[in-house]
N, C-alpha and C. Protein backbone atom coordinates (compact mmCIF):
# COMPACT_ATOMS: atom_id res chain seq x y z
N MET A 1 -53.98 24.22 64.92
CA MET A 1 -55.36 25.14 64.68
C MET A 1 -55.96 23.98 63.84
N VAL A 2 -57.22 23.90 63.84
CA VAL A 2 -58.36 23.06 63.29
C VAL A 2 -58.79 23.66 62.21
N TRP A 3 -58.64 23.18 61.07
CA TRP A 3 -59.59 23.74 59.83
C TRP A 3 -60.91 23.11 59.81
N VAL A 4 -61.26 22.20 60.12
CA VAL A 4 -62.46 21.77 60.07
C VAL A 4 -63.04 20.96 61.08
N ARG A 5 -64.24 21.05 61.65
CA ARG A 5 -64.67 20.23 62.84
C ARG A 5 -64.77 18.79 62.37
N ALA A 6 -64.56 17.89 63.35
CA ALA A 6 -65.04 16.51 63.02
C ALA A 6 -66.10 16.27 62.49
N GLU A 7 -67.25 16.60 62.85
CA GLU A 7 -68.36 16.50 62.48
C GLU A 7 -68.86 16.85 61.06
N TYR A 8 -67.91 17.79 60.47
CA TYR A 8 -68.17 18.10 59.21
C TYR A 8 -67.12 17.59 58.09
N ALA A 9 -66.21 16.98 58.68
CA ALA A 9 -65.23 16.13 57.69
C ALA A 9 -65.74 15.24 56.74
N GLY A 10 -66.51 14.44 57.02
CA GLY A 10 -67.22 13.57 56.13
C GLY A 10 -67.89 14.28 54.83
N ALA A 11 -68.77 15.48 55.36
CA ALA A 11 -69.25 15.95 54.19
C ALA A 11 -68.20 16.92 53.49
N LEU A 12 -67.04 17.31 54.18
CA LEU A 12 -65.98 18.09 53.25
C LEU A 12 -65.76 17.01 52.38
N ALA A 13 -65.18 16.09 52.82
CA ALA A 13 -64.64 14.99 52.04
C ALA A 13 -65.32 14.59 50.86
N VAL A 14 -66.70 14.38 51.05
CA VAL A 14 -67.30 14.09 49.96
C VAL A 14 -67.71 15.20 48.89
N VAL A 15 -67.80 16.48 49.24
CA VAL A 15 -68.01 17.75 48.50
C VAL A 15 -66.82 18.19 48.11
N SER A 16 -65.49 18.09 48.57
CA SER A 16 -64.26 18.18 47.95
C SER A 16 -64.02 17.36 46.67
N THR A 17 -64.30 15.99 46.94
CA THR A 17 -64.22 14.97 45.63
C THR A 17 -65.02 15.43 44.74
N TRP A 18 -66.19 15.94 44.58
CA TRP A 18 -67.35 16.34 43.60
C TRP A 18 -66.53 17.59 43.09
N ILE A 19 -66.42 18.25 43.85
CA ILE A 19 -65.50 19.64 43.22
C ILE A 19 -64.44 19.71 42.30
N ALA A 20 -63.52 18.68 42.83
CA ALA A 20 -62.34 18.21 42.23
C ALA A 20 -62.58 17.65 40.87
N ALA A 21 -63.88 17.17 40.34
CA ALA A 21 -64.08 16.56 39.16
C ALA A 21 -64.75 17.79 38.43
N LEU A 22 -64.99 18.84 39.04
CA LEU A 22 -65.82 20.01 38.03
C LEU A 22 -64.52 20.94 37.77
N VAL A 23 -63.53 21.08 38.32
CA VAL A 23 -62.54 22.24 38.17
C VAL A 23 -61.60 21.58 37.29
N PRO A 24 -61.11 22.64 36.16
CA PRO A 24 -59.88 22.13 35.20
C PRO A 24 -58.55 21.99 35.98
N TRP A 25 -58.02 20.84 35.58
CA TRP A 25 -56.53 20.71 36.10
C TRP A 25 -55.60 21.34 35.45
N ASN A 26 -56.17 21.86 34.16
CA ASN A 26 -55.02 22.35 33.54
C ASN A 26 -55.44 23.41 32.30
N VAL A 27 -55.13 24.46 32.37
CA VAL A 27 -55.68 25.44 31.26
C VAL A 27 -54.35 26.02 30.80
N THR A 28 -54.46 25.81 29.05
CA THR A 28 -53.24 26.10 28.47
C THR A 28 -53.62 27.07 27.34
N TYR A 29 -53.12 28.17 27.05
CA TYR A 29 -53.36 29.18 26.09
C TYR A 29 -51.80 29.09 25.10
N SER A 30 -52.06 28.95 23.96
CA SER A 30 -51.04 28.42 23.14
C SER A 30 -51.12 29.37 21.76
N THR A 31 -50.21 30.29 21.36
CA THR A 31 -50.65 31.13 20.26
C THR A 31 -49.13 30.68 19.31
N GLY A 32 -49.47 31.03 18.06
CA GLY A 32 -48.55 30.70 17.08
C GLY A 32 -48.36 29.24 16.57
N VAL A 33 -49.91 28.61 16.83
CA VAL A 33 -49.90 27.19 16.35
C VAL A 33 -50.60 27.43 14.99
N SER A 34 -49.72 26.85 13.85
CA SER A 34 -50.09 27.16 12.51
C SER A 34 -50.82 28.39 12.12
N GLY A 35 -50.00 29.34 12.86
CA GLY A 35 -50.83 30.82 12.31
C GLY A 35 -51.74 31.11 13.35
N GLY A 36 -52.16 30.53 14.25
CA GLY A 36 -53.32 30.99 15.12
C GLY A 36 -53.05 30.62 16.70
N SER A 37 -54.10 30.50 17.22
CA SER A 37 -54.13 30.19 18.80
C SER A 37 -55.24 29.24 19.24
N VAL A 38 -54.81 28.35 20.22
CA VAL A 38 -55.39 27.24 20.71
C VAL A 38 -55.49 27.70 22.33
N LEU A 39 -56.71 27.42 22.79
CA LEU A 39 -57.00 27.08 24.19
C LEU A 39 -57.48 26.05 24.72
N PHE A 40 -56.57 25.31 25.57
CA PHE A 40 -56.85 24.13 25.85
C PHE A 40 -57.52 24.09 27.41
N VAL A 41 -58.49 23.68 27.89
CA VAL A 41 -59.15 23.73 28.97
C VAL A 41 -59.52 21.89 29.39
N ARG A 42 -58.67 21.48 30.25
CA ARG A 42 -58.51 20.04 30.49
C ARG A 42 -59.15 19.62 31.93
N PHE A 43 -60.35 19.36 31.75
CA PHE A 43 -60.94 18.78 33.20
C PHE A 43 -60.39 17.29 33.22
N PRO A 44 -60.88 16.92 34.54
CA PRO A 44 -60.44 15.46 34.58
C PRO A 44 -60.79 14.39 33.54
N PHE A 45 -62.18 14.57 33.28
CA PHE A 45 -62.55 13.49 32.57
C PHE A 45 -63.01 14.05 31.20
N PHE A 46 -62.84 15.47 30.77
CA PHE A 46 -62.62 15.92 29.25
C PHE A 46 -61.78 17.15 29.04
N GLN A 47 -61.67 17.34 27.85
CA GLN A 47 -60.82 18.56 27.52
C GLN A 47 -61.67 19.40 26.41
N ILE A 48 -61.70 20.61 26.72
CA ILE A 48 -62.20 21.48 25.55
C ILE A 48 -60.80 22.10 25.07
N ARG A 49 -61.09 22.19 23.37
CA ARG A 49 -59.95 22.77 22.72
C ARG A 49 -60.69 23.77 21.80
N TYR A 50 -60.20 25.18 22.16
CA TYR A 50 -60.86 26.03 21.09
C TYR A 50 -59.74 26.42 20.22
N ALA A 51 -59.81 26.42 19.08
CA ALA A 51 -58.87 26.95 18.19
C ALA A 51 -59.36 28.25 17.22
N TYR A 52 -58.76 29.06 16.94
CA TYR A 52 -59.11 30.11 16.20
C TYR A 52 -57.95 30.65 15.37
N GLY A 53 -58.13 31.03 14.37
CA GLY A 53 -57.09 31.26 13.51
C GLY A 53 -56.25 30.05 12.86
N VAL A 54 -56.37 28.93 13.14
CA VAL A 54 -55.78 27.83 12.84
C VAL A 54 -56.72 27.29 11.80
N PRO A 55 -56.10 27.03 10.47
CA PRO A 55 -56.56 26.60 9.25
C PRO A 55 -56.86 25.32 9.23
N THR A 56 -56.13 24.52 9.86
CA THR A 56 -56.67 22.89 9.87
C THR A 56 -57.81 22.48 11.02
N ALA A 57 -57.57 23.32 12.06
CA ALA A 57 -58.71 23.00 13.22
C ALA A 57 -59.17 24.27 13.73
N ARG A 58 -60.44 24.44 13.46
CA ARG A 58 -61.25 25.75 13.94
C ARG A 58 -62.29 25.22 14.73
N GLY A 59 -62.70 26.25 15.74
CA GLY A 59 -63.78 25.92 16.45
C GLY A 59 -63.39 25.32 17.82
N VAL A 60 -64.38 24.66 18.25
CA VAL A 60 -64.52 23.89 19.72
C VAL A 60 -64.60 22.70 19.43
N SER A 61 -63.74 21.87 20.11
CA SER A 61 -63.83 20.40 20.00
C SER A 61 -63.83 19.75 21.50
N VAL A 62 -64.34 18.70 22.02
CA VAL A 62 -64.37 18.08 23.01
C VAL A 62 -63.89 16.69 23.19
N SER A 63 -63.02 16.25 23.96
CA SER A 63 -62.66 15.14 24.17
C SER A 63 -62.30 14.55 25.43
N ASP A 64 -62.47 13.12 25.55
CA ASP A 64 -61.99 12.54 26.94
C ASP A 64 -60.72 12.12 26.79
N PRO A 65 -60.18 11.67 28.04
CA PRO A 65 -58.82 11.80 27.96
C PRO A 65 -58.23 10.16 27.09
N LEU A 66 -58.98 9.22 26.99
CA LEU A 66 -58.89 8.22 25.77
C LEU A 66 -58.77 8.40 24.52
N SER A 67 -59.55 9.44 23.87
CA SER A 67 -59.66 9.76 22.84
C SER A 67 -58.40 10.72 22.56
N ALA A 68 -58.23 11.66 23.54
CA ALA A 68 -57.28 12.70 23.39
C ALA A 68 -55.88 11.98 23.36
N THR A 69 -55.72 11.00 24.19
CA THR A 69 -54.45 10.14 24.36
C THR A 69 -54.40 9.44 22.65
N ALA A 70 -55.43 8.68 22.21
CA ALA A 70 -55.14 8.45 21.05
C ALA A 70 -54.93 9.07 20.01
N PHE A 71 -55.56 10.79 19.93
CA PHE A 71 -55.18 11.49 19.03
C PHE A 71 -53.56 12.15 18.90
N GLN A 72 -52.94 11.77 20.29
CA GLN A 72 -51.49 12.14 20.40
C GLN A 72 -50.35 11.03 20.18
N VAL A 73 -50.85 9.91 19.51
CA VAL A 73 -50.14 9.03 19.37
C VAL A 73 -48.92 9.19 18.50
N GLY A 74 -47.83 8.80 18.86
CA GLY A 74 -46.71 9.18 18.13
C GLY A 74 -46.00 10.62 18.42
N GLN A 75 -46.76 11.49 19.04
CA GLN A 75 -46.32 12.94 19.51
C GLN A 75 -45.61 12.56 20.61
N THR A 76 -44.84 13.87 20.95
CA THR A 76 -43.80 13.83 22.20
C THR A 76 -44.74 14.16 23.57
N ILE A 77 -45.92 14.73 23.40
CA ILE A 77 -46.65 14.86 24.44
C ILE A 77 -47.42 13.72 24.94
N GLN A 78 -47.42 12.56 23.84
CA GLN A 78 -48.59 11.43 24.36
C GLN A 78 -48.41 10.73 25.77
N ALA A 79 -47.05 10.70 26.28
CA ALA A 79 -46.79 10.48 27.83
C ALA A 79 -47.70 11.00 28.65
N ALA A 80 -47.88 12.49 28.18
CA ALA A 80 -48.56 13.48 29.25
C ALA A 80 -50.05 13.08 29.04
N TYR A 81 -50.59 12.71 27.90
CA TYR A 81 -51.85 12.40 28.11
C TYR A 81 -52.31 10.96 28.43
N GLN A 82 -51.35 10.33 28.42
CA GLN A 82 -51.46 8.86 29.11
C GLN A 82 -51.68 8.91 30.51
N VAL A 83 -50.63 9.66 31.32
CA VAL A 83 -50.63 10.39 32.69
C VAL A 83 -51.87 10.80 33.14
N TRP A 84 -52.27 11.85 32.28
CA TRP A 84 -53.69 12.36 32.76
C TRP A 84 -54.71 11.40 32.68
N THR A 85 -54.51 10.32 31.81
CA THR A 85 -55.75 9.21 31.82
C THR A 85 -55.81 8.41 33.23
N VAL A 86 -54.55 8.15 33.62
CA VAL A 86 -54.29 7.72 35.08
C VAL A 86 -54.85 8.64 35.98
N GLY A 87 -54.49 9.79 36.08
CA GLY A 87 -55.26 10.60 36.98
C GLY A 87 -56.75 10.65 36.92
N ALA A 88 -57.31 10.63 35.66
CA ALA A 88 -58.82 10.52 35.69
C ALA A 88 -59.24 9.32 36.38
N ALA A 89 -58.43 7.93 36.17
CA ALA A 89 -58.81 6.87 36.61
C ALA A 89 -58.86 6.92 38.41
N VAL A 90 -57.92 7.57 38.79
CA VAL A 90 -57.67 7.72 40.01
C VAL A 90 -59.05 8.49 40.82
N LEU A 91 -59.08 9.52 40.13
CA LEU A 91 -60.14 10.57 40.80
C LEU A 91 -61.54 9.96 40.48
N ALA A 92 -61.81 9.00 39.40
CA ALA A 92 -63.21 8.45 39.37
C ALA A 92 -63.01 7.40 40.48
N LEU A 93 -62.18 6.82 40.59
CA LEU A 93 -62.25 5.75 41.94
C LEU A 93 -62.85 6.68 43.09
N ALA A 94 -62.08 7.80 43.24
CA ALA A 94 -62.27 8.67 44.52
C ALA A 94 -63.97 8.76 44.55
N ILE A 95 -64.47 9.56 42.90
CA ILE A 95 -65.79 10.03 43.16
C ILE A 95 -66.70 8.52 43.33
N ALA A 96 -66.20 7.48 42.91
CA ALA A 96 -67.20 6.17 43.26
C ALA A 96 -67.28 6.11 44.65
N PHE A 97 -66.19 6.33 45.29
CA PHE A 97 -66.21 5.86 46.80
C PHE A 97 -66.81 7.07 47.65
N SER A 98 -66.82 8.14 47.09
CA SER A 98 -67.40 9.40 47.58
C SER A 98 -68.98 9.06 47.46
N VAL A 99 -69.61 8.65 46.63
CA VAL A 99 -70.96 8.16 46.50
C VAL A 99 -71.47 7.31 47.48
N LEU A 100 -70.57 6.35 47.32
CA LEU A 100 -70.81 5.17 48.51
C LEU A 100 -70.87 5.86 49.94
N TYR A 101 -69.84 6.48 50.20
CA TYR A 101 -69.56 7.25 51.40
C TYR A 101 -71.10 8.15 51.83
N TYR A 102 -71.17 8.78 50.85
CA TYR A 102 -72.67 9.83 51.06
C TYR A 102 -73.90 8.87 51.35
N ARG A 103 -73.91 7.59 50.25
CA ARG A 103 -75.24 7.15 50.59
C ARG A 103 -75.20 5.94 51.81
N TYR A 104 -73.93 5.68 52.32
CA TYR A 104 -73.84 4.64 53.24
C TYR A 104 -72.90 5.01 54.37
N GLU A 105 -73.26 6.20 54.78
CA GLU A 105 -72.11 7.15 55.75
C GLU A 105 -72.25 6.24 56.93
N GLU A 106 -73.17 5.83 57.73
CA GLU A 106 -72.97 5.28 59.06
C GLU A 106 -71.95 3.80 58.83
N ARG A 107 -72.53 3.09 57.77
CA ARG A 107 -71.83 1.81 57.47
C ARG A 107 -70.43 1.86 57.18
N ILE A 108 -69.80 3.04 56.24
CA ILE A 108 -68.70 3.05 56.08
C ILE A 108 -67.74 3.82 57.06
N GLU A 109 -68.59 4.84 57.92
CA GLU A 109 -67.84 5.20 58.96
C GLU A 109 -67.31 4.19 59.96
N SER A 110 -68.26 3.13 60.23
CA SER A 110 -67.89 2.15 61.21
C SER A 110 -66.80 1.17 60.64
N GLY A 111 -66.34 1.16 59.49
CA GLY A 111 -65.50 0.17 58.84
C GLY A 111 -63.99 0.58 59.41
N PRO A 112 -63.16 -0.28 58.82
CA PRO A 112 -61.68 -0.44 59.53
C PRO A 112 -60.67 1.03 58.85
N ILE A 113 -61.19 1.38 57.59
CA ILE A 113 -60.72 2.45 57.28
C ILE A 113 -61.45 3.95 57.31
N ASP A 114 -60.52 4.91 57.57
CA ASP A 114 -61.18 6.19 57.72
C ASP A 114 -61.58 6.70 56.35
N PRO A 115 -62.80 6.90 56.14
CA PRO A 115 -63.14 7.54 54.62
C PRO A 115 -62.64 8.63 54.45
N VAL A 116 -62.58 9.79 55.09
CA VAL A 116 -61.98 10.95 55.00
C VAL A 116 -60.37 11.01 54.61
N ARG A 117 -59.74 10.18 55.52
CA ARG A 117 -58.48 10.06 55.17
C ARG A 117 -58.32 9.10 53.58
N LEU A 118 -59.21 8.36 53.46
CA LEU A 118 -58.92 7.50 51.90
C LEU A 118 -59.31 8.58 50.94
N LEU A 119 -60.39 9.34 51.01
CA LEU A 119 -60.52 10.31 50.01
C LEU A 119 -59.45 11.46 50.40
N GLY A 120 -58.94 11.97 50.98
CA GLY A 120 -57.85 12.80 50.99
C GLY A 120 -56.58 12.09 50.65
N GLY A 121 -56.29 11.14 50.59
CA GLY A 121 -55.03 10.17 49.92
C GLY A 121 -55.54 10.00 48.38
N LEU A 122 -56.69 9.86 48.12
CA LEU A 122 -56.79 9.77 46.67
C LEU A 122 -56.87 10.86 45.90
N LEU A 123 -57.43 11.97 46.58
CA LEU A 123 -57.33 13.36 46.14
C LEU A 123 -55.69 13.64 45.84
N THR A 124 -55.11 13.63 46.75
CA THR A 124 -53.55 14.00 46.86
C THR A 124 -52.89 13.17 45.86
N LEU A 125 -53.20 11.75 45.53
CA LEU A 125 -52.52 11.21 44.84
C LEU A 125 -53.12 11.52 43.32
N THR A 126 -54.23 11.91 43.03
CA THR A 126 -54.72 12.53 41.80
C THR A 126 -54.03 13.75 41.36
N GLY A 127 -53.53 14.62 42.60
CA GLY A 127 -52.88 15.85 42.11
C GLY A 127 -51.50 15.67 42.14
N VAL A 128 -50.73 14.35 42.31
CA VAL A 128 -49.52 14.10 42.10
C VAL A 128 -49.86 13.81 40.49
N VAL A 129 -50.39 12.77 40.25
CA VAL A 129 -50.48 12.23 39.06
C VAL A 129 -50.64 13.40 38.07
N LEU A 130 -51.73 14.38 38.32
CA LEU A 130 -52.06 15.43 37.34
C LEU A 130 -50.60 16.17 37.10
N ALA A 131 -50.25 16.74 38.43
CA ALA A 131 -48.90 17.41 38.20
C ALA A 131 -47.81 16.81 37.22
N VAL A 132 -47.61 15.59 37.44
CA VAL A 132 -46.77 14.84 36.54
C VAL A 132 -47.36 15.21 35.02
N ALA A 133 -48.47 15.03 34.73
CA ALA A 133 -48.82 15.16 33.44
C ALA A 133 -48.68 16.83 32.75
N THR A 134 -49.07 17.80 33.79
CA THR A 134 -48.31 19.05 33.60
C THR A 134 -46.85 19.06 33.38
N TYR A 135 -46.28 18.48 34.23
CA TYR A 135 -44.77 18.53 34.08
C TYR A 135 -44.26 17.99 32.62
N LEU A 136 -44.96 17.10 32.14
CA LEU A 136 -44.63 16.44 31.16
C LEU A 136 -44.87 17.02 29.65
N LEU A 137 -46.22 17.76 29.95
CA LEU A 137 -46.79 18.98 28.84
C LEU A 137 -45.38 19.87 28.72
N VAL A 138 -44.87 20.47 29.92
CA VAL A 138 -44.21 21.50 29.81
C VAL A 138 -42.79 20.99 29.04
N THR A 139 -42.35 20.03 29.65
CA THR A 139 -41.08 19.30 29.22
C THR A 139 -40.96 18.59 27.81
N ARG A 140 -42.10 18.49 27.56
CA ARG A 140 -42.00 17.58 25.89
C ARG A 140 -42.43 18.50 24.67
N GLY A 141 -42.45 19.75 25.09
CA GLY A 141 -42.62 20.65 24.15
C GLY A 141 -43.93 21.07 23.63
N PHE A 142 -44.89 21.07 24.60
CA PHE A 142 -46.12 21.77 24.27
C PHE A 142 -46.23 23.03 24.25
N PRO A 143 -46.70 23.61 23.22
CA PRO A 143 -46.34 25.28 23.36
C PRO A 143 -47.42 26.10 24.25
N GLY A 144 -47.07 26.90 24.75
CA GLY A 144 -47.84 27.65 25.81
C GLY A 144 -47.55 27.34 27.26
N LEU A 145 -48.18 28.07 28.08
CA LEU A 145 -47.79 27.90 29.40
C LEU A 145 -49.18 27.61 30.11
N PRO A 146 -48.98 26.16 30.74
CA PRO A 146 -50.18 25.68 31.45
C PRO A 146 -50.55 26.19 32.66
N LEU A 147 -51.40 26.36 33.26
CA LEU A 147 -51.82 26.89 34.84
C LEU A 147 -52.36 25.46 34.94
N PRO A 148 -52.00 25.10 36.28
CA PRO A 148 -52.46 23.85 37.02
C PRO A 148 -53.39 24.40 38.12
N ILE A 149 -54.59 24.83 37.54
CA ILE A 149 -55.51 25.10 38.73
C ILE A 149 -55.94 24.04 39.48
N GLY A 150 -56.63 23.34 38.92
CA GLY A 150 -57.03 22.33 39.60
C GLY A 150 -56.04 21.30 40.35
N VAL A 151 -54.93 21.11 39.82
CA VAL A 151 -53.67 20.43 40.45
C VAL A 151 -53.55 20.90 42.02
N VAL A 152 -53.49 22.30 42.17
CA VAL A 152 -53.36 23.24 43.27
C VAL A 152 -54.66 22.78 44.06
N LEU A 153 -55.58 22.57 43.76
CA LEU A 153 -56.72 22.59 44.48
C LEU A 153 -57.03 20.96 45.02
N LEU A 154 -56.36 20.11 44.18
CA LEU A 154 -56.45 19.03 44.76
C LEU A 154 -55.33 18.72 45.62
N PHE A 155 -54.24 19.16 45.63
CA PHE A 155 -53.35 19.39 46.70
C PHE A 155 -53.96 19.95 48.05
N VAL A 156 -54.55 21.25 48.02
CA VAL A 156 -55.00 21.71 49.02
C VAL A 156 -56.38 20.99 49.68
N PHE A 157 -57.24 20.33 48.87
CA PHE A 157 -58.29 19.53 49.47
C PHE A 157 -57.71 18.26 50.25
N GLY A 158 -56.48 17.60 49.37
CA GLY A 158 -56.06 16.34 50.05
C GLY A 158 -55.44 16.85 51.31
N ALA A 159 -54.55 17.74 51.26
CA ALA A 159 -54.07 18.08 52.71
C ALA A 159 -54.89 18.24 54.09
N LEU A 160 -56.07 18.95 53.36
CA LEU A 160 -57.30 19.31 54.33
C LEU A 160 -57.84 17.89 54.74
N LEU A 161 -57.97 17.30 54.12
CA LEU A 161 -58.63 15.71 54.29
C LEU A 161 -57.69 15.14 55.11
N LEU A 162 -56.24 14.93 54.86
CA LEU A 162 -55.51 14.08 55.47
C LEU A 162 -55.13 14.50 56.86
N THR A 163 -55.33 15.80 57.02
CA THR A 163 -54.85 16.46 58.41
C THR A 163 -56.08 16.86 59.16
N VAL A 164 -57.28 16.49 59.17
CA VAL A 164 -58.49 16.97 59.72
C VAL A 164 -58.44 15.93 61.11
N ASP A 165 -58.98 16.65 62.08
CA ASP A 165 -59.02 16.09 63.64
C ASP A 165 -60.31 15.11 63.51
N ARG A 166 -60.16 13.92 63.48
CA ARG A 166 -61.43 13.20 63.56
C ARG A 166 -61.71 12.61 64.76
N ALA A 167 -61.08 13.33 65.95
CA ALA A 167 -61.13 12.68 67.26
C ALA A 167 -62.60 12.94 67.73
């Protein structure tokens, strides 16, 4: 079964990579945190934390993976945030390559590496790394149930790009 026609594979690779940067890889809602609730929406390059009913942390805060990791120093979930930073770096590499691919399609298509499969591999690798980060959040005692929305999407995009018929 052919999911994508060969002539559209490059466009799918570029658009999939850009979409992956816009979808949250993890959404977690935690209740009972210091008497209140906290909603974390973690995108690849930043997280939004909305706390309500928590006396020490109210409102909305936004942080990047490095700042969020620094905030977790010494906490049991620090490793999860460090892994998230690695995932963001892998996705940043994929985005940089996708921009070059978009701009210089003919030159990159004639190169020794299939750019569609390369982006598929990078998206899959990002999915693996962020799945590990989600696992670490769960197993290291982070309260709440994480929903790995973007992780699933990264695996779907990666699989599509790795299996596309380029003939």
